[in-house]
Amino acid sequence: MEERIRKFAPIAGILFPLFIVAGFAIEGSPPDVDEPAAEIVQFYVDNETQTIIATFLAALGIIALLIFAAELRTRVRDAGSQVLATIAFGGAVVCAAGAGVDSALRFALANSAGDTSDEALQAVYAIWSSFFWPMHLGLAVLAAAVGVASIESRMLPMPIVGLGLLAAALLVIPVLPVALVGIALGALWSIATGIVLLRRPAVTPT
């Protein structure tokens, strides 16, 4: 079983950002947080099914992230960086937990729209719209820890290491346009890392 999971892990690294992006694409563009409460409620009434599907895709992305991160932890540890392996996996757990709360809030918004007061829904929406730090920081820690470990071990090619470190730096800057670039680079890093690991199969002890 472990061998099968490890073989799938690089694919999970590719699927993780694709699931997340697909979810947001299906849900559509929500209104700004300063829009009238009625407009926010109407968005979730009109897009209830799409938002629920988006949260399901996010759940799949979270599972994929944890599988991918477990493989990265093993490879970084096997390369001789026990501490960085633990830090990397810890970052992934923080990111996954943040994404889980984010998805739960989106599900609550879609499921409650029209059944609760507009003001209550707007309050939840305001919380959701600013709930990004755990995901950003977690992904930044994961990419940075794997990148630093790879500088010495050469587990990843240096261009991918640079991509991950740049994504990590941008993800911790609390300016939306910069953070969005960091998210895009983080997604590319995950896909590129997954492809590299596919080409360099892990050896599972028997």
Protein backbone atom coordinates (compact mmCIF):
# COMPACT_ATOMS: atom_id res chain seq x y z
CA MET A 1 0.00 0.00 0.00
CA GLU A 2 2.77 2.45 0.92
CA GLU A 3 4.48 1.87 -2.42
CA ARG A 4 1.25 2.70 -4.27
CA ILE A 5 0.76 5.87 -2.26
CA ARG A 6 4.33 6.99 -2.91
CA LYS A 7 3.91 6.36 -6.63
CA PHE A 8 0.76 8.47 -6.63
CA ALA A 9 2.24 11.28 -4.51
CA PRO A 10 3.94 13.16 -7.40
CA ILE A 11 0.65 13.09 -9.30
CA ALA A 12 -1.03 14.48 -6.19
CA GLY A 13 1.39 17.41 -6.35
CA ILE A 14 0.16 18.14 -9.85
CA LEU A 15 -3.51 17.67 -8.96
CA PHE A 16 -3.46 19.79 -5.79
CA PRO A 17 -3.37 23.22 -7.48
CA LEU A 18 -5.55 22.04 -10.36
CA PHE A 19 -8.36 21.04 -7.98
CA ILE A 20 -8.15 24.37 -6.17
CA VAL A 21 -8.12 26.43 -9.37
CA ALA A 22 -10.98 24.41 -10.87
CA GLY A 23 -13.06 25.02 -7.76
CA PHE A 24 -12.66 28.77 -7.88
CA ALA A 25 -13.30 28.79 -11.64
CA ILE A 26 -16.57 26.88 -11.19
CA GLU A 27 -17.75 29.09 -8.34
CA GLY A 28 -17.22 32.31 -10.26
CA SER A 29 -16.15 35.72 -9.05
CA PRO A 30 -17.83 36.69 -5.75
CA PRO A 31 -18.72 40.33 -5.01
CA ASP A 32 -16.41 42.67 -3.14
CA VAL A 33 -16.69 42.58 0.64
CA ASP A 34 -17.95 46.17 0.72
CA GLU A 35 -20.89 45.43 -1.59
CA PRO A 36 -24.42 45.56 -0.09
CA ALA A 37 -25.40 42.52 1.94
CA ALA A 38 -28.29 41.77 -0.43
CA GLU A 39 -25.88 41.46 -3.37
CA ILE A 40 -23.64 39.04 -1.47
CA VAL A 41 -26.62 36.93 -0.46
CA GLN A 42 -27.94 36.88 -4.02
CA PHE A 43 -24.57 35.68 -5.34
CA TYR A 44 -24.66 32.62 -3.10
CA VAL A 45 -28.34 31.98 -3.79
CA ASP A 46 -27.59 32.01 -7.52
CA ASN A 47 -24.36 30.00 -7.18
CA GLU A 48 -25.20 27.59 -4.37
CA THR A 49 -24.55 24.42 -6.40
CA GLN A 50 -21.37 25.77 -7.97
CA THR A 51 -19.99 26.81 -4.60
CA ILE A 52 -20.73 23.45 -3.01
CA ILE A 53 -19.01 21.69 -5.92
CA ALA A 54 -16.07 24.07 -5.48
CA THR A 55 -15.74 23.13 -1.81
CA PHE A 56 -15.77 19.44 -2.78
CA LEU A 57 -12.95 20.05 -5.27
CA ALA A 58 -11.08 21.96 -2.56
CA ALA A 59 -11.40 18.94 -0.28
CA LEU A 60 -9.84 16.77 -2.98
CA GLY A 61 -7.07 19.35 -3.33
CA ILE A 62 -6.41 19.25 0.42
CA ILE A 63 -6.09 15.46 0.35
CA ALA A 64 -3.76 15.68 -2.63
CA LEU A 65 -1.63 18.30 -0.85
CA LEU A 66 -1.16 16.13 2.23
CA ILE A 67 -0.20 13.08 0.16
CA PHE A 68 2.26 15.17 -1.83
CA ALA A 69 3.70 16.77 1.29
CA ALA A 70 4.17 13.39 2.97
CA GLU A 71 6.30 12.28 0.02
CA LEU A 72 8.28 15.51 0.08
CA ARG A 73 8.91 15.04 3.79
CA THR A 74 10.21 11.52 3.17
CA ARG A 75 12.50 12.59 0.35
CA VAL A 76 13.88 15.60 2.22
CA ARG A 77 14.48 13.42 5.28
CA ASP A 78 16.17 10.73 3.20
CA ALA A 79 18.41 13.43 1.74
CA GLY A 80 19.65 14.18 5.26
CA SER A 81 17.51 17.14 6.36
CA GLN A 82 15.33 15.84 9.20
CA VAL A 83 14.48 19.28 10.59
CA LEU A 84 13.61 20.76 7.19
CA ALA A 85 11.49 17.70 6.42
CA THR A 86 9.46 18.32 9.57
CA ILE A 87 9.16 22.05 8.85
CA ALA A 88 8.01 21.36 5.28
CA PHE A 89 5.29 18.94 6.36
CA GLY A 90 4.22 21.31 9.13
CA GLY A 91 3.76 24.04 6.53
CA ALA A 92 1.61 21.73 4.43
CA VAL A 93 -0.56 20.89 7.44
CA VAL A 94 -1.09 24.60 8.18
CA CYS A 95 -1.97 25.22 4.52
CA ALA A 96 -4.37 22.25 4.46
CA ALA A 97 -6.04 23.34 7.70
CA GLY A 98 -6.46 26.87 6.37
CA ALA A 99 -7.92 25.57 3.12
CA GLY A 100 -10.29 23.38 5.11
CA VAL A 101 -11.61 26.32 7.13
CA ASP A 102 -11.84 28.39 3.94
CA SER A 103 -13.93 25.66 2.29
CA ALA A 104 -16.12 25.29 5.37
CA LEU A 105 -16.88 29.02 5.34
CA ARG A 106 -17.71 28.93 1.63
CA PHE A 107 -19.99 25.93 2.15
CA ALA A 108 -21.73 27.72 5.03
CA LEU A 109 -22.26 30.80 2.86
CA ALA A 110 -23.79 28.77 0.04
CA ASN A 111 -25.86 26.56 2.31
CA SER A 112 -27.22 29.42 4.44
CA ALA A 113 -27.90 32.05 1.78
CA GLY A 114 -31.57 32.94 1.86
CA ASP A 115 -32.16 31.02 5.12
CA THR A 116 -30.47 33.44 7.52
CA SER A 117 -30.32 37.19 7.89
CA ASP A 118 -28.41 39.16 5.30
CA GLU A 119 -26.34 40.80 8.03
CA ALA A 120 -25.27 37.44 9.49
CA LEU A 121 -24.24 36.15 6.09
CA GLN A 122 -22.36 39.37 5.36
CA ALA A 123 -20.42 38.96 8.63
CA VAL A 124 -19.35 35.43 7.67
CA TYR A 125 -18.45 36.69 4.21
CA ALA A 126 -16.26 39.42 5.69
CA ILE A 127 -14.38 36.81 7.72
CA TRP A 128 -13.97 34.53 4.70
CA SER A 129 -12.71 37.31 2.44
CA SER A 130 -9.78 37.98 4.78
CA PHE A 131 -9.04 34.38 5.69
CA PHE A 132 -5.95 33.68 3.61
CA TRP A 133 -2.93 33.85 5.92
CA PRO A 134 -2.87 30.18 7.00
CA MET A 135 -2.94 28.99 3.38
CA HIS A 136 -0.36 31.50 2.19
CA LEU A 137 2.01 31.02 5.11
CA GLY A 138 1.69 27.24 5.04
CA LEU A 139 2.45 26.97 1.34
CA ALA A 140 5.33 29.43 1.73
CA VAL A 141 6.89 27.35 4.51
CA LEU A 142 6.48 24.14 2.49
CA ALA A 143 8.08 25.58 -0.65
CA ALA A 144 10.86 27.36 1.26
CA ALA A 145 11.81 24.35 3.39
CA VAL A 146 11.93 22.01 0.41
CA GLY A 147 13.87 24.61 -1.54
CA VAL A 148 16.50 25.14 1.15
CA ALA A 149 16.92 21.38 1.56
CA SER A 150 17.30 21.00 -2.22
CA ILE A 151 20.10 23.55 -2.44
CA GLU A 152 22.43 21.07 -0.76
CA SER A 153 20.87 17.74 -1.73
CA ARG A 154 19.94 18.67 -5.33
CA MET A 155 16.64 16.89 -4.85
CA LEU A 156 15.07 19.45 -7.18
CA PRO A 157 16.64 21.33 -10.10
CA MET A 158 17.80 24.81 -9.16
CA PRO A 159 15.26 26.62 -11.41
CA ILE A 160 12.43 24.91 -9.51
CA VAL A 161 14.14 25.69 -6.21
CA GLY A 162 14.29 29.36 -7.25
CA LEU A 163 10.65 29.28 -8.31
CA GLY A 164 9.62 27.89 -4.92
CA LEU A 165 11.67 30.38 -2.94
CA LEU A 166 10.29 33.29 -4.98
CA ALA A 167 6.74 32.03 -4.45
CA ALA A 168 7.40 31.72 -0.72
CA ALA A 169 8.71 35.28 -0.53
CA LEU A 170 5.70 36.72 -2.37
CA LEU A 171 3.16 34.68 -0.41
CA VAL A 172 4.11 36.34 2.86
CA ILE A 173 3.65 39.87 1.53
CA PRO A 174 0.14 41.07 2.59
CA VAL A 175 -0.54 42.98 -0.62
CA LEU A 176 -3.20 41.32 -2.77
CA PRO A 177 -1.65 41.70 -6.25
CA VAL A 178 1.71 40.46 -4.94
CA ALA A 179 0.09 37.57 -3.08
CA LEU A 180 -1.82 36.54 -6.20
CA VAL A 181 1.45 36.29 -8.10
CA GLY A 182 2.80 34.22 -5.23
CA ILE A 183 -0.19 31.89 -5.44
CA ALA A 184 0.32 31.44 -9.18
CA LEU A 185 4.03 30.73 -8.71
CA GLY A 186 3.27 28.36 -5.84
CA ALA A 187 0.89 26.42 -8.08
CA LEU A 188 3.53 26.21 -10.81
CA TRP A 189 6.09 25.08 -8.24
CA SER A 190 3.82 22.28 -7.04
CA ILE A 191 3.18 21.07 -10.59
CA ALA A 192 6.85 21.30 -11.58
CA THR A 193 7.96 19.51 -8.41
CA GLY A 194 5.42 16.76 -9.02
CA ILE A 195 6.73 16.26 -12.54
CA VAL A 196 10.33 16.05 -11.29
CA LEU A 197 9.39 13.48 -8.65
CA LEU A 198 7.56 11.44 -11.28
CA ARG A 199 10.78 11.26 -13.27
CA ARG A 200 12.78 10.31 -10.18
CA PRO A 201 10.82 7.47 -8.57
CA ALA A 202 11.33 6.91 -4.88
CA VAL A 203 12.76 3.64 -3.63
CA THR A 204 10.49 2.07 -1.04
CA PRO A 205 12.23 -0.28 1.38
CA THR A 206 10.97 -3.86 1.25
